[in-house]
Amino acid sequence: MESAAQYSLSLRGVPGKNSRKIREALLNPCRASFSLSTQGKETMPSNRPINIKALVLGVLTDVGGSLVIGFILGIALAIIFIVRGVQPNEIRAHLNNATFLVSSTIIGFGFTLFGGFVAGRIAKRNQILHGAIIGAIGIPLGLPFLTSLPLWCNIISVVGVIPFGILGGYIARPKQEHDEAEQGGGG
């Protein structure tokens, strides 16, 4: 058993002998920065529910992957259209084809799911919340691309993006949490 002398709580910027400032900081923790010191080694407890790094990497995965694949598919379709002799003014009709729109939407949802998974895995906590945030961030980022699409496609895209982000976060949870959820133990 370790003695209490091995641990100390310090407040950055607050002198150790000033009990009034320490008391104020403890009563109003939003104004103080706490750190836990263990035998001279400072460690900052990570009790924030949201990991910004995880969100940034999740959004980059979602948006970056969608843009890269969209660019590659655009080039491939352009080549196919040229080979088939499709006139430039007919290309828009081909791109508004329901099969193409559904395929594009599924690919986008796939990258949102993957972005939610990346965010949840990196965060290592609150994975479903991180996945949901990835989906929510995807809505305003995707709005510029929705302006030329049919209404039904816009509705499906906006309504479906958060659930796919949540699914990615759910998949990112540790196996133990999946087992507990399946047994009805929460998670």
C-alpha atoms as a PDB file:
ATOM      1  CA  MET A   1       0.000   0.000   0.000  1.00  0.00           C
ATOM      2  CA  GLU A   2       1.381   3.396  -0.945  1.00  0.00           C
ATOM      3  CA  SER A   3       1.471   6.188   1.576  1.00  0.00           C
ATOM      4  CA  ALA A   4      -0.407   9.455   1.120  1.00  0.00           C
ATOM      5  CA  ALA A   5       2.917  11.282   1.044  1.00  0.00           C
ATOM      6  CA  GLN A   6       3.609   9.845  -2.406  1.00  0.00           C
ATOM      7  CA  TYR A   7       0.714  11.775  -3.962  1.00  0.00           C
ATOM      8  CA  SER A   8       0.089  15.469  -3.971  1.00  0.00           C
ATOM      9  CA  LEU A   9      -2.482  17.714  -5.545  1.00  0.00           C
ATOM     10  CA  SER A  10      -1.198  20.984  -6.879  1.00  0.00           C
ATOM     11  CA  LEU A  11      -2.886  23.936  -8.504  1.00  0.00           C
ATOM     12  CA  ARG A  12      -0.926  25.531 -11.286  1.00  0.00           C
ATOM     13  CA  GLY A  13      -0.252  29.163 -10.585  1.00  0.00           C
ATOM     14  CA  VAL A  14      -1.466  28.918  -6.976  1.00  0.00           C
ATOM     15  CA  PRO A  15       1.135  29.076  -4.187  1.00  0.00           C
ATOM     16  CA  GLY A  16       1.025  25.983  -1.974  1.00  0.00           C
ATOM     17  CA  LYS A  17       0.663  27.939   1.299  1.00  0.00           C
ATOM     18  CA  ASN A  18      -2.202  30.170   0.181  1.00  0.00           C
ATOM     19  CA  SER A  19      -5.186  28.214   1.508  1.00  0.00           C
ATOM     20  CA  ARG A  20      -7.760  30.880   0.513  1.00  0.00           C
ATOM     21  CA  LYS A  21      -6.792  30.576  -3.177  1.00  0.00           C
ATOM     22  CA  ILE A  22      -6.782  26.803  -2.950  1.00  0.00           C
ATOM     23  CA  ARG A  23     -10.224  26.821  -1.328  1.00  0.00           C
ATOM     24  CA  GLU A  24     -11.536  29.174  -4.048  1.00  0.00           C
ATOM     25  CA  ALA A  25     -10.064  26.978  -6.750  1.00  0.00           C
ATOM     26  CA  LEU A  26     -11.650  23.874  -5.268  1.00  0.00           C
ATOM     27  CA  LEU A  27     -15.027  25.622  -5.025  1.00  0.00           C
ATOM     28  CA  ASN A  28     -14.731  26.949  -8.586  1.00  0.00           C
ATOM     29  CA  PRO A  29     -12.713  24.369 -10.541  1.00  0.00           C
ATOM     30  CA  CYS A  30     -13.466  26.052 -13.875  1.00  0.00           C
ATOM     31  CA  ARG A  31     -11.009  28.792 -12.966  1.00  0.00           C
ATOM     32  CA  ALA A  32      -8.196  26.482 -11.856  1.00  0.00           C
ATOM     33  CA  SER A  33      -6.075  23.917 -13.644  1.00  0.00           C
ATOM     34  CA  PHE A  34      -5.492  20.783 -11.584  1.00  0.00           C
ATOM     35  CA  SER A  35      -2.752  18.242 -11.985  1.00  0.00           C
ATOM     36  CA  LEU A  36      -1.973  15.091 -10.097  1.00  0.00           C
ATOM     37  CA  SER A  37       1.620  14.573  -9.106  1.00  0.00           C
ATOM     38  CA  THR A  38       2.943  11.097  -8.387  1.00  0.00           C
ATOM     39  CA  GLN A  39       6.421  11.030  -6.843  1.00  0.00           C
ATOM     40  CA  GLY A  40       7.472  14.129  -8.737  1.00  0.00           C
ATOM     41  CA  LYS A  41       5.997  13.029 -12.073  1.00  0.00           C
ATOM     42  CA  GLU A  42       3.087  15.176 -13.167  1.00  0.00           C
ATOM     43  CA  THR A  43       0.265  13.599 -15.069  1.00  0.00           C
ATOM     44  CA  MET A  44      -2.779  15.448 -16.331  1.00  0.00           C
ATOM     45  CA  PRO A  45      -5.941  13.417 -15.778  1.00  0.00           C
ATOM     46  CA  SER A  46      -7.892  12.962 -18.996  1.00  0.00           C
ATOM     47  CA  ASN A  47     -11.469  13.231 -17.827  1.00  0.00           C
ATOM     48  CA  ARG A  48     -12.809  15.271 -20.723  1.00  0.00           C
ATOM     49  CA  PRO A  49     -15.667  13.458 -22.432  1.00  0.00           C
ATOM     50  CA  ILE A  50     -14.571  14.570 -25.911  1.00  0.00           C
ATOM     51  CA  ASN A  51     -11.175  14.014 -27.519  1.00  0.00           C
ATOM     52  CA  ILE A  52     -10.535  16.801 -30.055  1.00  0.00           C
ATOM     53  CA  LYS A  53      -7.674  14.916 -31.749  1.00  0.00           C
ATOM     54  CA  ALA A  54      -9.994  11.943 -32.285  1.00  0.00           C
ATOM     55  CA  LEU A  55     -12.651  14.201 -33.803  1.00  0.00           C
ATOM     56  CA  VAL A  56     -10.200  15.919 -36.146  1.00  0.00           C
ATOM     57  CA  LEU A  57      -8.838  12.582 -37.377  1.00  0.00           C
ATOM     58  CA  GLY A  58     -12.358  11.170 -37.690  1.00  0.00           C
ATOM     59  CA  VAL A  59     -13.527  14.145 -39.768  1.00  0.00           C
ATOM     60  CA  LEU A  60     -10.399  13.918 -41.942  1.00  0.00           C
ATOM     61  CA  THR A  61     -11.125  10.226 -42.491  1.00  0.00           C
ATOM     62  CA  ASP A  62     -14.768  10.885 -43.381  1.00  0.00           C
ATOM     63  CA  VAL A  63     -14.389  13.980 -45.523  1.00  0.00           C
ATOM     64  CA  GLY A  64     -10.935  13.189 -46.908  1.00  0.00           C
ATOM     65  CA  GLY A  65     -11.898   9.646 -47.851  1.00  0.00           C
ATOM     66  CA  SER A  66     -15.157  10.794 -49.427  1.00  0.00           C
ATOM     67  CA  LEU A  67     -13.390  13.473 -51.481  1.00  0.00           C
ATOM     68  CA  VAL A  68     -10.586  11.181 -52.639  1.00  0.00           C
ATOM     69  CA  ILE A  69     -12.955   8.397 -53.669  1.00  0.00           C
ATOM     70  CA  GLY A  70     -15.307  10.944 -55.249  1.00  0.00           C
ATOM     71  CA  PHE A  71     -12.413  12.361 -57.267  1.00  0.00           C
ATOM     72  CA  ILE A  72     -11.291   8.898 -58.401  1.00  0.00           C
ATOM     73  CA  LEU A  73     -14.840   7.886 -59.316  1.00  0.00           C
ATOM     74  CA  GLY A  74     -15.318  11.188 -61.154  1.00  0.00           C
ATOM     75  CA  ILE A  75     -12.271  10.551 -63.298  1.00  0.00           C
ATOM     76  CA  ALA A  76     -13.342   6.940 -63.921  1.00  0.00           C
ATOM     77  CA  LEU A  77     -16.845   8.047 -64.920  1.00  0.00           C
ATOM     78  CA  ALA A  78     -15.467  10.761 -67.192  1.00  0.00           C
ATOM     79  CA  ILE A  79     -13.359   8.161 -68.986  1.00  0.00           C
ATOM     80  CA  ILE A  80     -16.338   5.801 -69.272  1.00  0.00           C
ATOM     81  CA  PHE A  81     -18.546   8.605 -70.603  1.00  0.00           C
ATOM     82  CA  ILE A  82     -15.918   9.633 -73.170  1.00  0.00           C
ATOM     83  CA  VAL A  83     -15.436   6.034 -74.329  1.00  0.00           C
ATOM     84  CA  ARG A  84     -19.206   5.583 -74.680  1.00  0.00           C
ATOM     85  CA  GLY A  85     -19.520   8.829 -76.607  1.00  0.00           C
ATOM     86  CA  VAL A  86     -21.764  10.585 -74.065  1.00  0.00           C
ATOM     87  CA  GLN A  87     -22.134  14.262 -74.853  1.00  0.00           C
ATOM     88  CA  PRO A  88     -21.090  16.748 -72.120  1.00  0.00           C
ATOM     89  CA  ASN A  89     -24.628  18.124 -71.836  1.00  0.00           C
ATOM     90  CA  GLU A  90     -25.948  14.570 -71.136  1.00  0.00           C
ATOM     91  CA  ILE A  91     -23.507  13.844 -68.308  1.00  0.00           C
ATOM     92  CA  ARG A  92     -25.652  15.579 -65.661  1.00  0.00           C
ATOM     93  CA  ALA A  93     -28.563  13.272 -66.465  1.00  0.00           C
ATOM     94  CA  HIS A  94     -26.295  10.253 -65.983  1.00  0.00           C
ATOM     95  CA  LEU A  95     -25.051  11.626 -62.648  1.00  0.00           C
ATOM     96  CA  ASN A  96     -28.635  12.186 -61.424  1.00  0.00           C
ATOM     97  CA  ASN A  97     -29.464   8.558 -62.152  1.00  0.00           C
ATOM     98  CA  ALA A  98     -30.940   6.917 -59.026  1.00  0.00           C
ATOM     99  CA  THR A  99     -28.440   4.049 -59.132  1.00  0.00           C
ATOM    100  CA  PHE A 100     -25.499   6.444 -59.178  1.00  0.00           C
ATOM    101  CA  LEU A 101     -26.983   8.610 -56.404  1.00  0.00           C
ATOM    102  CA  VAL A 102     -27.750   5.641 -54.144  1.00  0.00           C
ATOM    103  CA  SER A 103     -24.246   4.229 -54.735  1.00  0.00           C
ATOM    104  CA  SER A 104     -22.660   7.600 -53.934  1.00  0.00           C
ATOM    105  CA  THR A 105     -24.755   7.961 -50.794  1.00  0.00           C
ATOM    106  CA  ILE A 106     -23.780   4.473 -49.600  1.00  0.00           C
ATOM    107  CA  ILE A 107     -20.096   5.264 -50.190  1.00  0.00           C
ATOM    108  CA  GLY A 108     -20.492   8.510 -48.230  1.00  0.00           C
ATOM    109  CA  PHE A 109     -22.193   6.671 -45.365  1.00  0.00           C
ATOM    110  CA  GLY A 110     -19.366   4.139 -45.436  1.00  0.00           C
ATOM    111  CA  PHE A 111     -16.786   6.873 -44.920  1.00  0.00           C
ATOM    112  CA  THR A 112     -18.897   8.439 -42.160  1.00  0.00           C
ATOM    113  CA  LEU A 113     -19.025   5.042 -40.453  1.00  0.00           C
ATOM    114  CA  PHE A 114     -15.247   4.695 -40.865  1.00  0.00           C
ATOM    115  CA  GLY A 115     -14.703   8.257 -39.561  1.00  0.00           C
ATOM    116  CA  GLY A 116     -16.870   7.476 -36.502  1.00  0.00           C
ATOM    117  CA  PHE A 117     -14.887   4.287 -35.969  1.00  0.00           C
ATOM    118  CA  VAL A 118     -11.545   6.139 -36.209  1.00  0.00           C
ATOM    119  CA  ALA A 119     -12.731   8.832 -33.789  1.00  0.00           C
ATOM    120  CA  GLY A 120     -14.072   6.281 -31.310  1.00  0.00           C
ATOM    121  CA  ARG A 121     -10.984   4.089 -31.476  1.00  0.00           C
ATOM    122  CA  ILE A 122      -8.610   7.018 -30.973  1.00  0.00           C
ATOM    123  CA  ALA A 123     -10.713   8.506 -28.162  1.00  0.00           C
ATOM    124  CA  LYS A 124     -10.852   5.174 -26.290  1.00  0.00           C
ATOM    125  CA  ARG A 125     -13.895   6.449 -24.396  1.00  0.00           C
ATOM    126  CA  ASN A 126     -17.376   7.678 -25.276  1.00  0.00           C
ATOM    127  CA  GLN A 127     -16.969   6.032 -28.676  1.00  0.00           C
ATOM    128  CA  ILE A 128     -20.621   6.364 -29.634  1.00  0.00           C
ATOM    129  CA  LEU A 129     -20.612  10.068 -28.734  1.00  0.00           C
ATOM    130  CA  HIS A 130     -17.506  10.622 -30.869  1.00  0.00           C
ATOM    131  CA  GLY A 131     -19.149   8.780 -33.771  1.00  0.00           C
ATOM    132  CA  ALA A 132     -22.310  10.868 -33.426  1.00  0.00           C
ATOM    133  CA  ILE A 133     -20.256  14.057 -33.466  1.00  0.00           C
ATOM    134  CA  ILE A 134     -18.490  12.930 -36.652  1.00  0.00           C
ATOM    135  CA  GLY A 135     -21.898  12.467 -38.277  1.00  0.00           C
ATOM    136  CA  ALA A 136     -23.126  15.836 -36.982  1.00  0.00           C
ATOM    137  CA  ILE A 137     -20.017  17.607 -38.286  1.00  0.00           C
ATOM    138  CA  GLY A 138     -20.568  15.919 -41.638  1.00  0.00           C
ATOM    139  CA  ILE A 139     -23.953  17.600 -42.116  1.00  0.00           C
ATOM    140  CA  PRO A 140     -22.743  21.199 -42.560  1.00  0.00           C
ATOM    141  CA  LEU A 141     -19.619  20.036 -44.380  1.00  0.00           C
ATOM    142  CA  GLY A 142     -21.760  18.114 -46.860  1.00  0.00           C
ATOM    143  CA  LEU A 143     -24.329  20.853 -47.503  1.00  0.00           C
ATOM    144  CA  PRO A 144     -22.427  22.437 -50.431  1.00  0.00           C
ATOM    145  CA  PHE A 145     -22.512  19.076 -52.230  1.00  0.00           C
ATOM    146  CA  LEU A 146     -26.263  18.635 -51.730  1.00  0.00           C
ATOM    147  CA  THR A 147     -27.391  21.711 -53.646  1.00  0.00           C
ATOM    148  CA  SER A 148     -27.507  19.987 -57.022  1.00  0.00           C
ATOM    149  CA  LEU A 149     -29.010  16.686 -55.854  1.00  0.00           C
ATOM    150  CA  PRO A 150     -32.672  15.639 -55.843  1.00  0.00           C
ATOM    151  CA  LEU A 151     -34.618  16.295 -52.635  1.00  0.00           C
ATOM    152  CA  TRP A 152     -34.987  12.593 -51.743  1.00  0.00           C
ATOM    153  CA  CYS A 153     -31.211  12.145 -51.871  1.00  0.00           C
ATOM    154  CA  ASN A 154     -30.658  15.234 -49.699  1.00  0.00           C
ATOM    155  CA  ILE A 155     -33.110  13.984 -47.074  1.00  0.00           C
ATOM    156  CA  ILE A 156     -31.552  10.501 -46.945  1.00  0.00           C
ATOM    157  CA  SER A 157     -28.060  11.985 -46.714  1.00  0.00           C
ATOM    158  CA  VAL A 158     -28.875  14.393 -43.891  1.00  0.00           C
ATOM    159  CA  VAL A 159     -31.013  11.942 -41.902  1.00  0.00           C
ATOM    160  CA  GLY A 160     -28.634   8.994 -42.281  1.00  0.00           C
ATOM    161  CA  VAL A 161     -25.255  10.562 -41.581  1.00  0.00           C
ATOM    162  CA  ILE A 162     -25.505  10.692 -37.763  1.00  0.00           C
ATOM    163  CA  PRO A 163     -26.709   7.077 -37.371  1.00  0.00           C
ATOM    164  CA  PHE A 164     -23.797   5.869 -39.524  1.00  0.00           C
ATOM    165  CA  GLY A 165     -21.363   7.889 -37.404  1.00  0.00           C
ATOM    166  CA  ILE A 166     -22.920   6.360 -34.285  1.00  0.00           C
ATOM    167  CA  LEU A 167     -22.572   2.887 -35.799  1.00  0.00           C
ATOM    168  CA  GLY A 168     -18.879   3.547 -36.425  1.00  0.00           C
ATOM    169  CA  GLY A 169     -18.447   4.629 -32.810  1.00  0.00           C
ATOM    170  CA  TYR A 170     -20.345   1.555 -31.628  1.00  0.00           C
ATOM    171  CA  ILE A 171     -18.062  -0.740 -33.630  1.00  0.00           C
ATOM    172  CA  ALA A 172     -15.023   1.055 -32.148  1.00  0.00           C
ATOM    173  CA  ARG A 173     -15.979   0.050 -28.607  1.00  0.00           C
ATOM    174  CA  PRO A 174     -13.843  -2.616 -26.960  1.00  0.00           C
ATOM    175  CA  LYS A 175     -15.051  -6.206 -27.385  1.00  0.00           C
ATOM    176  CA  GLN A 176     -15.928  -6.399 -23.680  1.00  0.00           C
ATOM    177  CA  GLU A 177     -18.457  -3.561 -24.073  1.00  0.00           C
ATOM    178  CA  HIS A 178     -20.002  -5.300 -27.115  1.00  0.00           C
ATOM    179  CA  ASP A 179     -20.439  -8.499 -25.083  1.00  0.00           C
ATOM    180  CA  GLU A 180     -22.049  -6.597 -22.183  1.00  0.00           C
ATOM    181  CA  ALA A 181     -24.434  -4.794 -24.554  1.00  0.00           C
ATOM    182  CA  GLU A 182     -25.494  -8.078 -26.144  1.00  0.00           C
ATOM    183  CA  GLN A 183     -26.214  -9.542 -22.702  1.00  0.00           C
ATOM    184  CA  GLY A 184     -28.259  -6.467 -21.748  1.00  0.00           C
ATOM    185  CA  GLY A 185     -25.652  -5.196 -19.290  1.00  0.00           C
ATOM    186  CA  GLY A 186     -25.385  -1.695 -20.810  1.00  0.00           C
ATOM    187  CA  GLY A 187     -22.410  -0.141 -22.514  1.00  0.00           C
END
